[in-house]
Amino acid sequence: MKVVIGSDHAGFKLKEKLKVFFDKNKIDYEDVGPYKYDKNDDYPHYSVKVAEKVVKLKCKGVIIGKSGQGEAIASNKVKGIRAMVYYGKDKKIIKLSREHNDSNILSLGAGFLSEKEASEAVKLFLSTKFSNHSRHKRRLNEISKFEKR
């Protein structure tokens, strides 16, 4: 499975470390930027770029910013995206978001996570399957009715 990854300036360093994690674990990925640190870049551009690729390729995505909140908000504007935020503590939320919500983007808060925590979060996100339970499928169908584009 391919993973699309992107960040803003606040998540750039962690993004580069996660790419090493992907290489080491033979995870196929596409980096949509930024490709160099720029303290003036903004997250909406990269968040939407990740989201659009995730929809097009029917894959998973990882976006990284200072808190991950704005990145998830921007990504969730793209039809078909269900981005979740993780910035530490209990990883059970990642598992639940995949099993119950079939989340397809993990938004990480680089300002709150170590490299190890982020790698573990990504590993759990990628390895957890959607439950396919009828109530969760029904709810996802309900959500999709609200999408505008």
C-alpha atoms as a PDB file:
ATOM      1  CA  MET A   1       0.000   0.000   0.000  1.00  0.00           C
ATOM      2  CA  LYS A   2       1.198   3.476  -0.858  1.00  0.00           C
ATOM      3  CA  VAL A   3       1.237   6.219   1.766  1.00  0.00           C
ATOM      4  CA  VAL A   4       1.147   9.890   0.800  1.00  0.00           C
ATOM      5  CA  ILE A   5       3.025  12.154   3.204  1.00  0.00           C
ATOM      6  CA  GLY A   6       3.290  15.907   3.545  1.00  0.00           C
ATOM      7  CA  SER A   7       3.864  18.598   6.137  1.00  0.00           C
ATOM      8  CA  ASP A   8       4.319  22.267   6.732  1.00  0.00           C
ATOM      9  CA  HIS A   9       7.433  23.934   8.154  1.00  0.00           C
ATOM     10  CA  ALA A  10       6.569  22.874  11.714  1.00  0.00           C
ATOM     11  CA  GLY A  11       6.280  19.232  10.676  1.00  0.00           C
ATOM     12  CA  PHE A  12       9.104  19.155   8.136  1.00  0.00           C
ATOM     13  CA  LYS A  13      11.754  17.655  10.437  1.00  0.00           C
ATOM     14  CA  LEU A  14       9.435  14.884  11.621  1.00  0.00           C
ATOM     15  CA  LYS A  15       8.311  14.198   8.039  1.00  0.00           C
ATOM     16  CA  GLU A  16      11.911  13.616   7.015  1.00  0.00           C
ATOM     17  CA  LYS A  17      12.387  11.211   9.943  1.00  0.00           C
ATOM     18  CA  LEU A  18       9.212   9.324   9.053  1.00  0.00           C
ATOM     19  CA  LYS A  19      10.503   8.881   5.508  1.00  0.00           C
ATOM     20  CA  VAL A  20      13.526   7.082   6.985  1.00  0.00           C
ATOM     21  CA  PHE A  21      11.085   4.914   8.989  1.00  0.00           C
ATOM     22  CA  PHE A  22       9.164   4.148   5.759  1.00  0.00           C
ATOM     23  CA  ASP A  23      12.374   3.232   3.928  1.00  0.00           C
ATOM     24  CA  LYS A  24      13.553   1.018   6.770  1.00  0.00           C
ATOM     25  CA  ASN A  25      10.186  -0.786   6.889  1.00  0.00           C
ATOM     26  CA  LYS A  26       9.825  -0.996   3.087  1.00  0.00           C
ATOM     27  CA  ILE A  27       6.666   1.118   3.089  1.00  0.00           C
ATOM     28  CA  ASP A  28       5.943   2.618  -0.320  1.00  0.00           C
ATOM     29  CA  TYR A  29       5.343   6.358   0.012  1.00  0.00           C
ATOM     30  CA  GLU A  30       5.047   9.555  -1.973  1.00  0.00           C
ATOM     31  CA  ASP A  31       6.244  12.827  -0.462  1.00  0.00           C
ATOM     32  CA  VAL A  32       4.165  15.752  -1.766  1.00  0.00           C
ATOM     33  CA  GLY A  33       6.252  18.367  -0.007  1.00  0.00           C
ATOM     34  CA  PRO A  34       7.632  20.540   1.107  1.00  0.00           C
ATOM     35  CA  TYR A  35      10.986  19.296  -0.167  1.00  0.00           C
ATOM     36  CA  LYS A  36      13.024  21.807   1.806  1.00  0.00           C
ATOM     37  CA  TYR A  37      12.432  23.736   5.007  1.00  0.00           C
ATOM     38  CA  ASP A  38      10.669  27.063   4.501  1.00  0.00           C
ATOM     39  CA  LYS A  39       9.570  28.837   7.676  1.00  0.00           C
ATOM     40  CA  ASN A  40       6.961  30.787   5.683  1.00  0.00           C
ATOM     41  CA  ASP A  41       5.035  27.917   4.118  1.00  0.00           C
ATOM     42  CA  ASP A  42       1.455  27.222   5.131  1.00  0.00           C
ATOM     43  CA  TYR A  43      -0.224  23.899   5.907  1.00  0.00           C
ATOM     44  CA  PRO A  44      -3.445  24.171   3.843  1.00  0.00           C
ATOM     45  CA  HIS A  45      -1.608  23.730   0.545  1.00  0.00           C
ATOM     46  CA  TYR A  46       0.202  20.551   1.615  1.00  0.00           C
ATOM     47  CA  SER A  47      -2.751  19.145   3.570  1.00  0.00           C
ATOM     48  CA  VAL A  48      -5.079  19.404   0.582  1.00  0.00           C
ATOM     49  CA  LYS A  49      -2.369  18.024  -1.709  1.00  0.00           C
ATOM     50  CA  VAL A  50      -2.069  14.923   0.517  1.00  0.00           C
ATOM     51  CA  ALA A  51      -5.861  14.588   0.699  1.00  0.00           C
ATOM     52  CA  GLU A  52      -6.369  14.833  -3.054  1.00  0.00           C
ATOM     53  CA  LYS A  53      -3.704  12.175  -3.670  1.00  0.00           C
ATOM     54  CA  VAL A  54      -5.229   9.876  -1.037  1.00  0.00           C
ATOM     55  CA  VAL A  55      -8.606  10.081  -2.798  1.00  0.00           C
ATOM     56  CA  LYS A  56      -7.094   9.648  -6.252  1.00  0.00           C
ATOM     57  CA  LEU A  57      -4.860   6.702  -5.298  1.00  0.00           C
ATOM     58  CA  LYS A  58      -7.306   5.186  -2.763  1.00  0.00           C
ATOM     59  CA  CYS A  59      -4.530   4.928  -0.229  1.00  0.00           C
ATOM     60  CA  LYS A  60      -3.631   6.310   3.195  1.00  0.00           C
ATOM     61  CA  GLY A  61      -1.992   9.609   4.052  1.00  0.00           C
ATOM     62  CA  VAL A  62       0.056  11.186   6.822  1.00  0.00           C
ATOM     63  CA  ILE A  63       0.265  14.933   7.342  1.00  0.00           C
ATOM     64  CA  ILE A  64       2.353  16.663   9.948  1.00  0.00           C
ATOM     65  CA  GLY A  65       2.133  20.128  11.473  1.00  0.00           C
ATOM     66  CA  LYS A  66       2.698  21.734  14.856  1.00  0.00           C
ATOM     67  CA  SER A  67      -0.575  20.429  16.375  1.00  0.00           C
ATOM     68  CA  GLY A  68      -2.049  18.501  13.458  1.00  0.00           C
ATOM     69  CA  GLN A  69      -5.391  20.235  13.991  1.00  0.00           C
ATOM     70  CA  GLY A  70      -5.312  22.693  11.103  1.00  0.00           C
ATOM     71  CA  GLU A  71      -3.917  20.027   8.803  1.00  0.00           C
ATOM     72  CA  ALA A  72      -6.850  17.722   9.586  1.00  0.00           C
ATOM     73  CA  ILE A  73      -9.363  20.542   9.141  1.00  0.00           C
ATOM     74  CA  ALA A  74      -7.934  21.424   5.723  1.00  0.00           C
ATOM     75  CA  SER A  75      -7.735  17.783   4.629  1.00  0.00           C
ATOM     76  CA  ASN A  76     -11.305  17.092   5.678  1.00  0.00           C
ATOM     77  CA  LYS A  77     -12.504  19.702   3.161  1.00  0.00           C
ATOM     78  CA  VAL A  78     -11.686  17.203   0.379  1.00  0.00           C
ATOM     79  CA  LYS A  79     -14.542  14.846  -0.505  1.00  0.00           C
ATOM     80  CA  GLY A  80     -13.812  11.313   0.660  1.00  0.00           C
ATOM     81  CA  ILE A  81     -11.318  12.260   3.358  1.00  0.00           C
ATOM     82  CA  ARG A  82     -11.654  11.245   6.977  1.00  0.00           C
ATOM     83  CA  ALA A  83      -8.608  12.721   8.703  1.00  0.00           C
ATOM     84  CA  MET A  84      -7.932  12.060  12.367  1.00  0.00           C
ATOM     85  CA  VAL A  85      -5.560  13.907  14.698  1.00  0.00           C
ATOM     86  CA  TYR A  86      -3.011  12.334  16.997  1.00  0.00           C
ATOM     87  CA  TYR A  87      -0.632  14.245  19.222  1.00  0.00           C
ATOM     88  CA  GLY A  88       0.218  11.737  21.903  1.00  0.00           C
ATOM     89  CA  LYS A  89      -1.043   9.855  24.906  1.00  0.00           C
ATOM     90  CA  ASP A  90      -3.421   6.968  24.289  1.00  0.00           C
ATOM     91  CA  LYS A  91      -2.953   5.318  20.890  1.00  0.00           C
ATOM     92  CA  LYS A  92      -6.354   3.632  21.248  1.00  0.00           C
ATOM     93  CA  ILE A  93      -7.873   6.630  19.442  1.00  0.00           C
ATOM     94  CA  ILE A  94      -5.906   5.675  16.323  1.00  0.00           C
ATOM     95  CA  LYS A  95      -7.226   2.133  16.422  1.00  0.00           C
ATOM     96  CA  LEU A  96     -10.813   3.295  16.985  1.00  0.00           C
ATOM     97  CA  SER A  97     -10.599   5.876  14.236  1.00  0.00           C
ATOM     98  CA  ARG A  98      -9.478   3.227  11.751  1.00  0.00           C
ATOM     99  CA  GLU A  99     -11.911   0.517  12.930  1.00  0.00           C
ATOM    100  CA  HIS A 100     -14.996   2.716  13.348  1.00  0.00           C
ATOM    101  CA  ASN A 101     -14.438   5.672  10.998  1.00  0.00           C
ATOM    102  CA  ASP A 102     -12.198   4.138   8.323  1.00  0.00           C
ATOM    103  CA  SER A 103      -9.978   7.215   8.682  1.00  0.00           C
ATOM    104  CA  ASN A 104      -7.666   7.551   5.720  1.00  0.00           C
ATOM    105  CA  ILE A 105      -5.374  10.351   6.888  1.00  0.00           C
ATOM    106  CA  LEU A 106      -3.389  10.493  10.107  1.00  0.00           C
ATOM    107  CA  SER A 107      -2.619  14.068  11.101  1.00  0.00           C
ATOM    108  CA  LEU A 108       0.295  14.271  13.524  1.00  0.00           C
ATOM    109  CA  GLY A 109       1.174  17.068  15.930  1.00  0.00           C
ATOM    110  CA  ALA A 110       4.957  17.330  15.643  1.00  0.00           C
ATOM    111  CA  GLY A 111       5.052  19.784  18.540  1.00  0.00           C
ATOM    112  CA  PHE A 112       3.789  17.077  20.890  1.00  0.00           C
ATOM    113  CA  LEU A 113       5.302  13.825  19.590  1.00  0.00           C
ATOM    114  CA  SER A 114       8.720  12.237  19.642  1.00  0.00           C
ATOM    115  CA  GLU A 115       9.992  10.473  16.543  1.00  0.00           C
ATOM    116  CA  LYS A 116       9.336   7.120  18.248  1.00  0.00           C
ATOM    117  CA  GLU A 117       5.755   8.045  19.174  1.00  0.00           C
ATOM    118  CA  ALA A 118       5.072   9.249  15.638  1.00  0.00           C
ATOM    119  CA  SER A 119       6.518   6.068  14.101  1.00  0.00           C
ATOM    120  CA  GLU A 120       4.440   3.894  16.431  1.00  0.00           C
ATOM    121  CA  ALA A 121       1.323   5.915  15.600  1.00  0.00           C
ATOM    122  CA  VAL A 122       1.912   5.537  11.861  1.00  0.00           C
ATOM    123  CA  LYS A 123       2.556   1.813  12.226  1.00  0.00           C
ATOM    124  CA  LEU A 124      -0.707   1.333  14.143  1.00  0.00           C
ATOM    125  CA  PHE A 125      -2.642   3.525  11.705  1.00  0.00           C
ATOM    126  CA  LEU A 126      -1.400   1.553   8.701  1.00  0.00           C
ATOM    127  CA  SER A 127      -1.895  -1.877  10.264  1.00  0.00           C
ATOM    128  CA  THR A 128      -5.402  -1.372  11.673  1.00  0.00           C
ATOM    129  CA  LYS A 129      -8.246  -2.379   9.384  1.00  0.00           C
ATOM    130  CA  PHE A 130     -11.737  -0.922   9.120  1.00  0.00           C
ATOM    131  CA  SER A 131     -14.161  -3.215  10.976  1.00  0.00           C
ATOM    132  CA  ASN A 132     -16.695  -3.287   8.126  1.00  0.00           C
ATOM    133  CA  HIS A 133     -19.411  -3.557  10.762  1.00  0.00           C
ATOM    134  CA  SER A 134     -22.794  -2.558   9.360  1.00  0.00           C
ATOM    135  CA  ARG A 135     -23.339   0.287  11.846  1.00  0.00           C
ATOM    136  CA  HIS A 136     -19.996   1.871  10.942  1.00  0.00           C
ATOM    137  CA  LYS A 137     -20.631   1.506   7.206  1.00  0.00           C
ATOM    138  CA  ARG A 138     -24.083   3.065   7.691  1.00  0.00           C
ATOM    139  CA  ARG A 139     -22.593   6.042   9.533  1.00  0.00           C
ATOM    140  CA  LEU A 140     -19.922   6.586   6.892  1.00  0.00           C
ATOM    141  CA  ASN A 141     -22.634   6.570   4.226  1.00  0.00           C
ATOM    142  CA  GLU A 142     -24.545   9.174   6.242  1.00  0.00           C
ATOM    143  CA  ILE A 143     -21.436  11.369   6.457  1.00  0.00           C
ATOM    144  CA  SER A 144     -20.799  11.105   2.726  1.00  0.00           C
ATOM    145  CA  LYS A 145     -24.253  12.585   2.037  1.00  0.00           C
ATOM    146  CA  PHE A 146     -23.032  15.861   3.562  1.00  0.00           C
ATOM    147  CA  GLU A 147     -20.003  16.149   1.279  1.00  0.00           C
ATOM    148  CA  LYS A 148     -20.479  18.933  -1.256  1.00  0.00           C
ATOM    149  CA  ARG A 149     -18.012  18.175  -4.058  1.00  0.00           C
END
